[in-house]
């Protein structure tokens, strides 16, 4: 039986939150290659480890851990893009048939964030 992930499912909000937090952490450490896909892969590989780290990280809208102006700018643009995507998902009532489909959609939708 295929998995149904509806627009209001916690897994959609959880994936976007994980994407933001892990991306911010990777930027703070200087990693800049393929951030979206790498962040989602990290999240899917070790969700328990992510939950432990999440408790110690600042909230998603806090850019404090980022020192470089370019990284802060990218992260703020990513925040805005994710807010727009979540509004689009809600308005369109999108559904996904798997976590992989959700991740691929997020990667494709956020590919051009600069």
PDB file of N, CA and C in Angstrom:
ATOM      1  N   UNK A   1       0.844  -1.173   0.000  1.00  0.00           N
ATOM      2  CA  UNK A   1       0.000   0.000   0.000  1.00  0.00           C
ATOM      3  C   UNK A   1       0.896   1.246   0.000  1.00  0.00           C
ATOM      4  N   UNK A   2       0.688   2.134  -0.950  1.00  0.00           N
ATOM      5  CA  UNK A   2       1.538   3.320  -1.016  1.00  0.00           C
ATOM      6  C   UNK A   2       1.310   4.270   0.157  1.00  0.00           C
ATOM      7  N   UNK A   3       2.357   4.927   0.497  1.00  0.00           N
ATOM      8  CA  UNK A   3       2.329   5.911   1.571  1.00  0.00           C
ATOM      9  C   UNK A   3       1.660   7.173   1.066  1.00  0.00           C
ATOM     10  N   UNK A   4       0.818   7.790   1.883  1.00  0.00           N
ATOM     11  CA  UNK A   4       0.212   9.070   1.521  1.00  0.00           C
ATOM     12  C   UNK A   4       0.701  10.125   2.489  1.00  0.00           C
ATOM     13  N   UNK A   5       1.348  11.124   1.942  1.00  0.00           N
ATOM     14  CA  UNK A   5       1.795  12.247   2.758  1.00  0.00           C
ATOM     15  C   UNK A   5       1.008  13.456   2.275  1.00  0.00           C
ATOM     16  N   UNK A   6       0.038  13.862   3.069  1.00  0.00           N
ATOM     17  CA  UNK A   6      -0.820  14.980   2.683  1.00  0.00           C
ATOM     18  C   UNK A   6      -0.161  16.301   3.032  1.00  0.00           C
ATOM     19  N   UNK A   7      -0.695  17.352   2.479  1.00  0.00           N
ATOM     20  CA  UNK A   7      -0.156  18.706   2.636  1.00  0.00           C
ATOM     21  C   UNK A   7      -0.051  19.125   4.087  1.00  0.00           C
ATOM     22  N   UNK A   8      -0.912  18.640   4.957  1.00  0.00           N
ATOM     23  CA  UNK A   8      -0.899  19.058   6.357  1.00  0.00           C
ATOM     24  C   UNK A   8      -0.225  18.038   7.279  1.00  0.00           C
ATOM     25  N   UNK A   9       0.469  17.084   6.703  1.00  0.00           N
ATOM     26  CA  UNK A   9       1.148  16.032   7.453  1.00  0.00           C
ATOM     27  C   UNK A   9       2.365  16.611   8.179  1.00  0.00           C
ATOM     28  N   UNK A  10       2.599  16.146   9.386  1.00  0.00           N
ATOM     29  CA  UNK A  10       3.763  16.597  10.162  1.00  0.00           C
ATOM     30  C   UNK A  10       5.086  16.275   9.466  1.00  0.00           C
ATOM     31  N   UNK A  11       5.094  15.270   8.606  1.00  0.00           N
ATOM     32  CA  UNK A  11       6.338  14.894   7.923  1.00  0.00           C
ATOM     33  C   UNK A  11       6.786  15.966   6.929  1.00  0.00           C
ATOM     34  N   UNK A  12       5.837  16.740   6.400  1.00  0.00           N
ATOM     35  CA  UNK A  12       6.206  17.837   5.497  1.00  0.00           C
ATOM     36  C   UNK A  12       6.885  18.938   6.297  1.00  0.00           C
ATOM     37  N   UNK A  13       6.271  19.357   7.384  1.00  0.00           N
ATOM     38  CA  UNK A  13       6.859  20.404   8.235  1.00  0.00           C
ATOM     39  C   UNK A  13       8.162  19.910   8.859  1.00  0.00           C
ATOM     40  N   UNK A  14       8.203  18.649   9.250  1.00  0.00           N
ATOM     41  CA  UNK A  14       9.429  18.093   9.836  1.00  0.00           C
ATOM     42  C   UNK A  14      10.587  18.084   8.857  1.00  0.00           C
ATOM     43  N   UNK A  15      10.313  17.731   7.602  1.00  0.00           N
ATOM     44  CA  UNK A  15      11.372  17.706   6.590  1.00  0.00           C
ATOM     45  C   UNK A  15      11.896  19.110   6.319  1.00  0.00           C
ATOM     46  N   UNK A  16      11.008  20.102   6.259  1.00  0.00           N
ATOM     47  CA  UNK A  16      11.465  21.469   5.991  1.00  0.00           C
ATOM     48  C   UNK A  16      12.231  22.038   7.181  1.00  0.00           C
ATOM     49  N   UNK A  17      11.805  21.713   8.385  1.00  0.00           N
ATOM     50  CA  UNK A  17      12.534  22.170   9.576  1.00  0.00           C
ATOM     51  C   UNK A  17      13.919  21.533   9.626  1.00  0.00           C
ATOM     52  N   UNK A  18      13.980  20.227   9.383  1.00  0.00           N
ATOM     53  CA  UNK A  18      15.277  19.533   9.365  1.00  0.00           C
ATOM     54  C   UNK A  18      16.167  20.104   8.277  1.00  0.00           C
ATOM     55  N   UNK A  19      15.588  20.360   7.123  1.00  0.00           N
ATOM     56  CA  UNK A  19      16.346  20.944   6.020  1.00  0.00           C
ATOM     57  C   UNK A  19      16.975  22.269   6.423  1.00  0.00           C
ATOM     58  N   UNK A  20      16.206  23.126   7.078  1.00  0.00           N
ATOM     59  CA  UNK A  20      16.725  24.422   7.511  1.00  0.00           C
ATOM     60  C   UNK A  20      17.827  24.277   8.558  1.00  0.00           C
ATOM     61  N   UNK A  21      17.572  23.486   9.573  1.00  0.00           N
ATOM     62  CA  UNK A  21      18.540  23.361  10.669  1.00  0.00           C
ATOM     63  C   UNK A  21      19.848  22.706  10.219  1.00  0.00           C
ATOM     64  N   UNK A  22      19.732  21.650   9.438  1.00  0.00           N
ATOM     65  CA  UNK A  22      20.943  20.956   8.987  1.00  0.00           C
ATOM     66  C   UNK A  22      21.707  21.818   7.988  1.00  0.00           C
ATOM     67  N   UNK A  23      20.999  22.516   7.123  1.00  0.00           N
ATOM     68  CA  UNK A  23      21.658  23.413   6.170  1.00  0.00           C
ATOM     69  C   UNK A  23      22.397  24.519   6.901  1.00  0.00           C
ATOM     70  N   UNK A  24      21.759  25.105   7.905  1.00  0.00           N
ATOM     71  CA  UNK A  24      22.419  26.161   8.677  1.00  0.00           C
ATOM     72  C   UNK A  24      23.670  25.622   9.358  1.00  0.00           C
ATOM     73  N   UNK A  25      23.586  24.427   9.919  1.00  0.00           N
ATOM     74  CA  UNK A  25      24.741  23.816  10.574  1.00  0.00           C
ATOM     75  C   UNK A  25      25.862  23.549   9.574  1.00  0.00           C
ATOM     76  N   UNK A  26      25.519  23.056   8.397  1.00  0.00           N
ATOM     77  CA  UNK A  26      26.525  22.785   7.364  1.00  0.00           C
ATOM     78  C   UNK A  26      27.174  24.089   6.893  1.00  0.00           C
ATOM     79  N   UNK A  27      26.373  25.137   6.721  1.00  0.00           N
ATOM     80  CA  UNK A  27      26.923  26.442   6.331  1.00  0.00           C
ATOM     81  C   UNK A  27      27.878  26.973   7.398  1.00  0.00           C
ATOM     82  N   UNK A  28      27.498  26.822   8.662  1.00  0.00           N
ATOM     83  CA  UNK A  28      28.343  27.299   9.762  1.00  0.00           C
ATOM     84  C   UNK A  28      29.688  26.574   9.779  1.00  0.00           C
ATOM     85  N   UNK A  29      29.692  25.327   9.313  1.00  0.00           N
ATOM     86  CA  UNK A  29      30.932  24.545   9.255  1.00  0.00           C
ATOM     87  C   UNK A  29      31.680  24.752   7.951  1.00  0.00           C
ATOM     88  N   UNK A  30      31.121  25.570   7.048  1.00  0.00           N
ATOM     89  CA  UNK A  30      31.809  25.892   5.802  1.00  0.00           C
ATOM     90  C   UNK A  30      31.446  25.021   4.617  1.00  0.00           C
ATOM     91  N   UNK A  31      30.539  24.087   4.780  1.00  0.00           N
ATOM     92  CA  UNK A  31      30.119  23.238   3.659  1.00  0.00           C
ATOM     93  C   UNK A  31      29.115  24.008   2.806  1.00  0.00           C
ATOM     94  N   UNK A  32      29.367  24.069   1.503  1.00  0.00           N
ATOM     95  CA  UNK A  32      28.473  24.830   0.631  1.00  0.00           C
ATOM     96  C   UNK A  32      28.017  24.047  -0.594  1.00  0.00           C
ATOM     97  N   UNK A  33      28.465  22.830  -0.760  1.00  0.00           N
ATOM     98  CA  UNK A  33      28.119  22.034  -1.939  1.00  0.00           C
ATOM     99  C   UNK A  33      26.839  21.242  -1.723  1.00  0.00           C
ATOM    100  N   UNK A  34      25.918  21.369  -2.665  1.00  0.00           N
ATOM    101  CA  UNK A  34      24.703  20.550  -2.705  1.00  0.00           C
ATOM    102  C   UNK A  34      24.000  20.512  -1.344  1.00  0.00           C
ATOM    103  N   UNK A  35      23.766  21.668  -0.775  1.00  0.00           N
ATOM    104  CA  UNK A  35      23.261  21.775   0.596  1.00  0.00           C
ATOM    105  C   UNK A  35      21.893  21.125   0.803  1.00  0.00           C
ATOM    106  N   UNK A  36      20.968  21.355  -0.106  1.00  0.00           N
ATOM    107  CA  UNK A  36      19.601  20.864   0.078  1.00  0.00           C
ATOM    108  C   UNK A  36      19.575  19.334   0.090  1.00  0.00           C
ATOM    109  N   UNK A  37      20.129  18.725  -0.943  1.00  0.00           N
ATOM    110  CA  UNK A  37      20.136  17.265  -1.029  1.00  0.00           C
ATOM    111  C   UNK A  37      20.933  16.640   0.117  1.00  0.00           C
ATOM    112  N   UNK A  38      22.056  17.246   0.457  1.00  0.00           N
ATOM    113  CA  UNK A  38      22.893  16.710   1.534  1.00  0.00           C
ATOM    114  C   UNK A  38      22.174  16.804   2.880  1.00  0.00           C
ATOM    115  N   UNK A  39      21.494  17.904   3.117  1.00  0.00           N
ATOM    116  CA  UNK A  39      20.766  18.065   4.383  1.00  0.00           C
ATOM    117  C   UNK A  39      19.646  17.041   4.499  1.00  0.00           C
ATOM    118  N   UNK A  40      18.893  16.848   3.433  1.00  0.00           N
ATOM    119  CA  UNK A  40      17.809  15.859   3.478  1.00  0.00           C
ATOM    120  C   UNK A  40      18.360  14.441   3.617  1.00  0.00           C
ATOM    121  N   UNK A  41      19.471  14.156   2.964  1.00  0.00           N
ATOM    122  CA  UNK A  41      20.092  12.831   3.091  1.00  0.00           C
ATOM    123  C   UNK A  41      20.558  12.596   4.528  1.00  0.00           C
ATOM    124  N   UNK A  42      21.176  13.600   5.140  1.00  0.00           N
ATOM    125  CA  UNK A  42      21.598  13.487   6.541  1.00  0.00           C
ATOM    126  C   UNK A  42      20.403  13.211   7.442  1.00  0.00           C
ATOM    127  N   UNK A  43      19.323  13.927   7.209  1.00  0.00           N
ATOM    128  CA  UNK A  43      18.103  13.772   8.015  1.00  0.00           C
ATOM    129  C   UNK A  43      17.528  12.366   7.871  1.00  0.00           C
ATOM    130  N   UNK A  44      17.434  11.871   6.660  1.00  0.00           N
ATOM    131  CA  UNK A  44      16.847  10.541   6.420  1.00  0.00           C
ATOM    132  C   UNK A  44      17.753   9.425   6.922  1.00  0.00           C
ATOM    133  N   UNK A  45      19.070   9.623   6.864  1.00  0.00           N
ATOM    134  CA  UNK A  45      20.002   8.582   7.315  1.00  0.00           C
ATOM    135  C   UNK A  45      19.989   8.402   8.824  1.00  0.00           C
ATOM    136  N   UNK A  46      19.817   9.487   9.575  1.00  0.00           N
ATOM    137  CA  UNK A  46      19.899   9.416  11.034  1.00  0.00           C
ATOM    138  C   UNK A  46      18.874  10.336  11.698  1.00  0.00           C
ATOM    139  N   UNK A  47      17.573   9.994  11.619  1.00  0.00           N
ATOM    140  CA  UNK A  47      16.564  10.869  12.221  1.00  0.00           C
ATOM    141  C   UNK A  47      16.707  10.980  13.745  1.00  0.00           C
ATOM    142  N   UNK A  48      17.155   9.934  14.393  1.00  0.00           N
ATOM    143  CA  UNK A  48      17.327   9.990  15.852  1.00  0.00           C
ATOM    144  C   UNK A  48      18.464  10.941  16.223  1.00  0.00           C
ATOM    145  N   UNK A  49      19.557  10.877  15.490  1.00  0.00           N
ATOM    146  CA  UNK A  49      20.673  11.786  15.733  1.00  0.00           C
ATOM    147  C   UNK A  49      20.288  13.230  15.472  1.00  0.00           C
ATOM    148  N   UNK A  50      19.470  13.442  14.433  1.00  0.00           N
ATOM    149  CA  UNK A  50      18.974  14.790  14.139  1.00  0.00           C
ATOM    150  C   UNK A  50      18.154  15.318  15.311  1.00  0.00           C
ATOM    151  N   UNK A  51      17.292  14.480  15.874  1.00  0.00           N
ATOM    152  CA  UNK A  51      16.443  14.924  16.998  1.00  0.00           C
ATOM    153  C   UNK A  51      17.283  15.321  18.205  1.00  0.00           C
ATOM    154  N   UNK A  52      18.371  14.609  18.449  1.00  0.00           N
ATOM    155  CA  UNK A  52      19.262  14.968  19.555  1.00  0.00           C
ATOM    156  C   UNK A  52      19.931  16.316  19.298  1.00  0.00           C
ATOM    157  N   UNK A  53      20.410  16.515  18.082  1.00  0.00           N
ATOM    158  CA  UNK A  53      21.059  17.779  17.737  1.00  0.00           C
ATOM    159  C   UNK A  53      20.066  18.932  17.723  1.00  0.00           C
ATOM    160  N   UNK A  54      18.854  18.663  17.262  1.00  0.00           N
ATOM    161  CA  UNK A  54      17.825  19.703  17.156  1.00  0.00           C
ATOM    162  C   UNK A  54      17.579  20.369  18.511  1.00  0.00           C
ATOM    163  N   UNK A  55      17.648  19.600  19.561  1.00  0.00           N
ATOM    164  CA  UNK A  55      17.415  20.141  20.901  1.00  0.00           C
ATOM    165  C   UNK A  55      18.473  21.163  21.302  1.00  0.00           C
ATOM    166  N   UNK A  56      19.658  21.086  20.715  1.00  0.00           N
ATOM    167  CA  UNK A  56      20.746  21.996  21.090  1.00  0.00           C
ATOM    168  C   UNK A  56      20.888  23.182  20.139  1.00  0.00           C
ATOM    169  N   UNK A  57      20.245  23.118  18.964  1.00  0.00           N
ATOM    170  CA  UNK A  57      20.374  24.175  17.971  1.00  0.00           C
ATOM    171  C   UNK A  57      19.390  25.313  18.235  1.00  0.00           C
ATOM    172  N   UNK A  58      19.761  26.545  17.864  1.00  0.00           N
ATOM    173  CA  UNK A  58      18.828  27.670  17.974  1.00  0.00           C
ATOM    174  C   UNK A  58      17.641  27.483  17.020  1.00  0.00           C
ATOM    175  N   UNK A  59      16.562  28.241  17.214  1.00  0.00           N
ATOM    176  CA  UNK A  59      15.393  28.127  16.325  1.00  0.00           C
ATOM    177  C   UNK A  59      15.755  28.381  14.862  1.00  0.00           C
ATOM    178  N   UNK A  60      14.907  27.921  13.956  1.00  0.00           N
ATOM    179  CA  UNK A  60      15.204  27.989  12.525  1.00  0.00           C
ATOM    180  C   UNK A  60      15.417  29.405  12.013  1.00  0.00           C
ATOM    181  N   UNK A  61      14.741  30.390  12.557  1.00  0.00           N
ATOM    182  CA  UNK A  61      14.858  31.751  12.033  1.00  0.00           C
ATOM    183  C   UNK A  61      16.070  32.510  12.577  1.00  0.00           C
ATOM    184  N   UNK A  62      16.874  31.875  13.402  1.00  0.00           N
ATOM    185  CA  UNK A  62      18.052  32.510  13.982  1.00  0.00           C
ATOM    186  C   UNK A  62      19.265  32.289  13.070  1.00  0.00           C
ATOM    187  N   UNK A  63      19.820  33.369  12.568  1.00  0.00           N
ATOM    188  CA  UNK A  63      21.007  33.294  11.699  1.00  0.00           C
ATOM    189  C   UNK A  63      22.300  33.464  12.487  1.00  0.00           C
ATOM    190  N   UNK A  64      22.214  33.522  13.799  1.00  0.00           N
ATOM    191  CA  UNK A  64      23.370  33.774  14.653  1.00  0.00           C
ATOM    192  C   UNK A  64      24.559  32.877  14.420  1.00  0.00           C
ATOM    193  N   UNK A  65      24.371  31.558  14.213  1.00  0.00           N
ATOM    194  CA  UNK A  65      25.530  30.687  14.018  1.00  0.00           C
ATOM    195  C   UNK A  65      26.312  30.969  12.728  1.00  0.00           C
ATOM    196  N   UNK A  66      25.718  31.704  11.804  1.00  0.00           N
ATOM    197  CA  UNK A  66      26.381  31.980  10.526  1.00  0.00           C
ATOM    198  C   UNK A  66      27.193  33.258  10.619  1.00  0.00           C
ATOM    199  N   UNK A  67      28.457  33.179  10.274  1.00  0.00           N
ATOM    200  CA  UNK A  67      29.360  34.323  10.395  1.00  0.00           C
ATOM    201  C   UNK A  67      29.552  35.076   9.081  1.00  0.00           C
ATOM    202  N   UNK A  68      29.531  34.376   7.970  1.00  0.00           N
ATOM    203  CA  UNK A  68      29.761  35.024   6.677  1.00  0.00           C
ATOM    204  C   UNK A  68      28.463  35.639   6.150  1.00  0.00           C
ATOM    205  N   UNK A  69      28.586  36.820   5.575  1.00  0.00           N
ATOM    206  CA  UNK A  69      27.426  37.541   5.051  1.00  0.00           C
ATOM    207  C   UNK A  69      26.743  36.745   3.938  1.00  0.00           C
ATOM    208  N   UNK A  70      27.524  36.119   3.075  1.00  0.00           N
ATOM    209  CA  UNK A  70      26.958  35.330   1.979  1.00  0.00           C
ATOM    210  C   UNK A  70      26.149  34.154   2.510  1.00  0.00           C
ATOM    211  N   UNK A  71      26.617  33.522   3.572  1.00  0.00           N
ATOM    212  CA  UNK A  71      25.889  32.403   4.157  1.00  0.00           C
ATOM    213  C   UNK A  71      24.593  32.876   4.799  1.00  0.00           C
ATOM    214  N   UNK A  72      24.638  34.015   5.496  1.00  0.00           N
ATOM    215  CA  UNK A  72      23.426  34.566   6.102  1.00  0.00           C
ATOM    216  C   UNK A  72      22.397  34.915   5.033  1.00  0.00           C
ATOM    217  N   UNK A  73      22.856  35.517   3.967  1.00  0.00           N
ATOM    218  CA  UNK A  73      21.969  35.890   2.871  1.00  0.00           C
ATOM    219  C   UNK A  73      21.316  34.653   2.250  1.00  0.00           C
ATOM    220  N   UNK A  74      22.127  33.639   1.983  1.00  0.00           N
ATOM    221  CA  UNK A  74      21.592  32.400   1.421  1.00  0.00           C
ATOM    222  C   UNK A  74      20.554  31.783   2.364  1.00  0.00           C
ATOM    223  N   UNK A  75      20.877  31.734   3.632  1.00  0.00           N
ATOM    224  CA  UNK A  75      19.973  31.122   4.599  1.00  0.00           C
ATOM    225  C   UNK A  75      18.660  31.903   4.704  1.00  0.00           C
ATOM    226  N   UNK A  76      18.730  33.222   4.696  1.00  0.00           N
ATOM    227  CA  UNK A  76      17.505  34.028   4.742  1.00  0.00           C
ATOM    228  C   UNK A  76      16.677  33.814   3.480  1.00  0.00           C
ATOM    229  N   UNK A  77      17.325  33.698   2.333  1.00  0.00           N
ATOM    230  CA  UNK A  77      16.606  33.400   1.092  1.00  0.00           C
ATOM    231  C   UNK A  77      15.976  32.015   1.144  1.00  0.00           C
ATOM    232  N   UNK A  78      16.672  31.064   1.738  1.00  0.00           N
ATOM    233  CA  UNK A  78      16.141  29.717   1.893  1.00  0.00           C
ATOM    234  C   UNK A  78      14.925  29.721   2.823  1.00  0.00           C
ATOM    235  N   UNK A  79      15.004  30.469   3.911  1.00  0.00           N
ATOM    236  CA  UNK A  79      13.849  30.603   4.810  1.00  0.00           C
ATOM    237  C   UNK A  79      12.629  31.127   4.065  1.00  0.00           C
ATOM    238  N   UNK A  80      12.812  32.170   3.289  1.00  0.00           N
ATOM    239  CA  UNK A  80      11.714  32.759   2.523  1.00  0.00           C
ATOM    240  C   UNK A  80      11.165  31.772   1.499  1.00  0.00           C
ATOM    241  N   UNK A  81      12.053  31.076   0.818  1.00  0.00           N
ATOM    242  CA  UNK A  81      11.632  30.104  -0.192  1.00  0.00           C
ATOM    243  C   UNK A  81      10.824  28.968   0.437  1.00  0.00           C
ATOM    244  N   UNK A  82      11.243  28.506   1.593  1.00  0.00           N
ATOM    245  CA  UNK A  82      10.516  27.426   2.264  1.00  0.00           C
ATOM    246  C   UNK A  82       9.157  27.915   2.749  1.00  0.00           C
ATOM    247  N   UNK A  83       9.091  29.137   3.255  1.00  0.00           N
ATOM    248  CA  UNK A  83       7.791  29.688   3.647  1.00  0.00           C
ATOM    249  C   UNK A  83       6.840  29.742   2.452  1.00  0.00           C
ATOM    250  N   UNK A  84       7.350  30.156   1.295  1.00  0.00           N
ATOM    251  CA  UNK A  84       6.516  30.198   0.082  1.00  0.00           C
ATOM    252  C   UNK A  84       6.103  28.790  -0.346  1.00  0.00           C
ATOM    253  N   UNK A  85       7.032  27.839  -0.253  1.00  0.00           N
ATOM    254  CA  UNK A  85       6.700  26.458  -0.617  1.00  0.00           C
ATOM    255  C   UNK A  85       5.631  25.863   0.285  1.00  0.00           C
ATOM    256  N   UNK A  86       5.745  26.118   1.575  1.00  0.00           N
ATOM    257  CA  UNK A  86       4.740  25.599   2.498  1.00  0.00           C
ATOM    258  C   UNK A  86       3.376  26.208   2.209  1.00  0.00           C
ATOM    259  N   UNK A  87       3.338  27.491   1.867  1.00  0.00           N
ATOM    260  CA  UNK A  87       2.071  28.134   1.494  1.00  0.00           C
ATOM    261  C   UNK A  87       1.523  27.518   0.210  1.00  0.00           C
ATOM    262  N   UNK A  88       2.405  27.229  -0.738  1.00  0.00           N
ATOM    263  CA  UNK A  88       1.985  26.620  -2.001  1.00  0.00           C
ATOM    264  C   UNK A  88       1.438  25.212  -1.764  1.00  0.00           C
ATOM    265  N   UNK A  89       2.115  24.447  -0.919  1.00  0.00           N
ATOM    266  CA  UNK A  89       1.652  23.092  -0.598  1.00  0.00           C
ATOM    267  C   UNK A  89       0.273  23.157   0.039  1.00  0.00           C
ATOM    268  N   UNK A  90       0.094  24.082   0.966  1.00  0.00           N
ATOM    269  CA  UNK A  90      -1.192  24.216   1.655  1.00  0.00           C
ATOM    270  C   UNK A  90      -2.296  24.661   0.689  1.00  0.00           C
ATOM    271  N   UNK A  91      -2.004  25.645  -0.120  1.00  0.00           N
ATOM    272  CA  UNK A  91      -3.009  26.166  -1.056  1.00  0.00           C
ATOM    273  C   UNK A  91      -3.409  25.108  -2.076  1.00  0.00           C
ATOM    274  N   UNK A  92      -2.445  24.384  -2.592  1.00  0.00           N
ATOM    275  CA  UNK A  92      -2.705  23.371  -3.613  1.00  0.00           C
ATOM    276  C   UNK A  92      -3.132  22.028  -3.028  1.00  0.00           C
ATOM    277  N   UNK A  93      -2.964  21.893  -1.705  1.00  0.00           N
ATOM    278  CA  UNK A  93      -3.260  20.631  -1.017  1.00  0.00           C
ATOM    279  C   UNK A  93      -2.509  19.459  -1.670  1.00  0.00           C
ATOM    280  N   UNK A  94      -1.224  19.702  -1.906  1.00  0.00           N
ATOM    281  CA  UNK A  94      -0.387  18.681  -2.536  1.00  0.00           C
ATOM    282  C   UNK A  94      -0.255  17.439  -1.666  1.00  0.00           C
ATOM    283  N   UNK A  95      -0.071  16.309  -2.333  1.00  0.00           N
ATOM    284  CA  UNK A  95       0.172  15.050  -1.645  1.00  0.00           C
ATOM    285  C   UNK A  95       1.385  14.387  -2.275  1.00  0.00           C
ATOM    286  N   UNK A  96       2.081  13.615  -1.463  1.00  0.00           N
ATOM    287  CA  UNK A  96       3.250  12.883  -1.930  1.00  0.00           C
ATOM    288  C   UNK A  96       3.039  11.416  -1.601  1.00  0.00           C
ATOM    289  N   UNK A  97       3.545  10.542  -2.470  1.00  0.00           N
ATOM    290  CA  UNK A  97       3.331   9.113  -2.263  1.00  0.00           C
ATOM    291  C   UNK A  97       4.464   8.442  -1.502  1.00  0.00           C
ATOM    292  N   UNK A  98       5.547   9.189  -1.246  1.00  0.00           N
ATOM    293  CA  UNK A  98       6.651   8.620  -0.474  1.00  0.00           C
ATOM    294  C   UNK A  98       7.520   9.744   0.069  1.00  0.00           C
ATOM    295  N   UNK A  99       8.353   9.405   1.031  1.00  0.00           N
ATOM    296  CA  UNK A  99       9.301  10.387   1.562  1.00  0.00           C
ATOM    297  C   UNK A  99      10.313  10.773   0.493  1.00  0.00           C
ATOM    298  N   UNK A 100      10.687   9.826  -0.334  1.00  0.00           N
ATOM    299  CA  UNK A 100      11.623  10.115  -1.424  1.00  0.00           C
ATOM    300  C   UNK A 100      11.018  11.127  -2.396  1.00  0.00           C
ATOM    301  N   UNK A 101       9.745  10.967  -2.704  1.00  0.00           N
ATOM    302  CA  UNK A 101       9.073  11.919  -3.595  1.00  0.00           C
ATOM    303  C   UNK A 101       9.029  13.307  -2.956  1.00  0.00           C
ATOM    304  N   UNK A 102       8.724  13.368  -1.673  1.00  0.00           N
ATOM    305  CA  UNK A 102       8.724  14.647  -0.952  1.00  0.00           C
ATOM    306  C   UNK A 102      10.118  15.278  -1.004  1.00  0.00           C
ATOM    307  N   UNK A 103      11.138  14.504  -0.708  1.00  0.00           N
ATOM    308  CA  UNK A 103      12.510  15.023  -0.716  1.00  0.00           C
ATOM    309  C   UNK A 103      12.905  15.513  -2.107  1.00  0.00           C
ATOM    310  N   UNK A 104      12.600  14.723  -3.128  1.00  0.00           N
ATOM    311  CA  UNK A 104      12.938  15.123  -4.495  1.00  0.00           C
ATOM    312  C   UNK A 104      12.209  16.398  -4.896  1.00  0.00           C
ATOM    313  N   UNK A 105      10.970  16.547  -4.474  1.00  0.00           N
ATOM    314  CA  UNK A 105      10.212  17.755  -4.778  1.00  0.00           C
ATOM    315  C   UNK A 105      10.840  18.961  -4.083  1.00  0.00           C
ATOM    316  N   UNK A 106      11.230  18.797  -2.829  1.00  0.00           N
ATOM    317  CA  UNK A 106      11.893  19.889  -2.110  1.00  0.00           C
ATOM    318  C   UNK A 106      13.220  20.264  -2.771  1.00  0.00           C
ATOM    319  N   UNK A 107      13.999  19.268  -3.153  1.00  0.00           N
ATOM    320  CA  UNK A 107      15.284  19.524  -3.810  1.00  0.00           C
ATOM    321  C   UNK A 107      15.064  20.285  -5.113  1.00  0.00           C
ATOM    322  N   UNK A 108      14.127  19.824  -5.919  1.00  0.00           N
ATOM    323  CA  UNK A 108      13.862  20.484  -7.197  1.00  0.00           C
ATOM    324  C   UNK A 108      13.318  21.897  -6.997  1.00  0.00           C
ATOM    325  N   UNK A 109      12.475  22.072  -6.011  1.00  0.00           N
ATOM    326  CA  UNK A 109      11.854  23.380  -5.773  1.00  0.00           C
ATOM    327  C   UNK A 109      12.839  24.400  -5.201  1.00  0.00           C
ATOM    328  N   UNK A 110      13.835  23.931  -4.458  1.00  0.00           N
ATOM    329  CA  UNK A 110      14.774  24.822  -3.791  1.00  0.00           C
ATOM    330  C   UNK A 110      16.130  24.904  -4.495  1.00  0.00           C
ATOM    331  N   UNK A 111      16.249  24.261  -5.637  1.00  0.00           N
ATOM    332  CA  UNK A 111      17.523  24.184  -6.352  1.00  0.00           C
ATOM    333  C   UNK A 111      18.092  25.564  -6.700  1.00  0.00           C
ATOM    334  N   UNK A 112      17.240  26.507  -7.032  1.00  0.00           N
ATOM    335  CA  UNK A 112      17.717  27.805  -7.519  1.00  0.00           C
ATOM    336  C   UNK A 112      17.787  28.892  -6.457  1.00  0.00           C
ATOM    337  N   UNK A 113      17.660  28.528  -5.211  1.00  0.00           N
ATOM    338  CA  UNK A 113      17.790  29.531  -4.137  1.00  0.00           C
ATOM    339  C   UNK A 113      19.244  29.986  -4.088  1.00  0.00           C
ATOM    340  N   UNK A 114      19.434  31.278  -4.063  1.00  0.00           N
ATOM    341  CA  UNK A 114      20.792  31.849  -4.008  1.00  0.00           C
ATOM    342  C   UNK A 114      20.912  32.779  -2.837  1.00  0.00           C
TER     343      UNK A 114
END
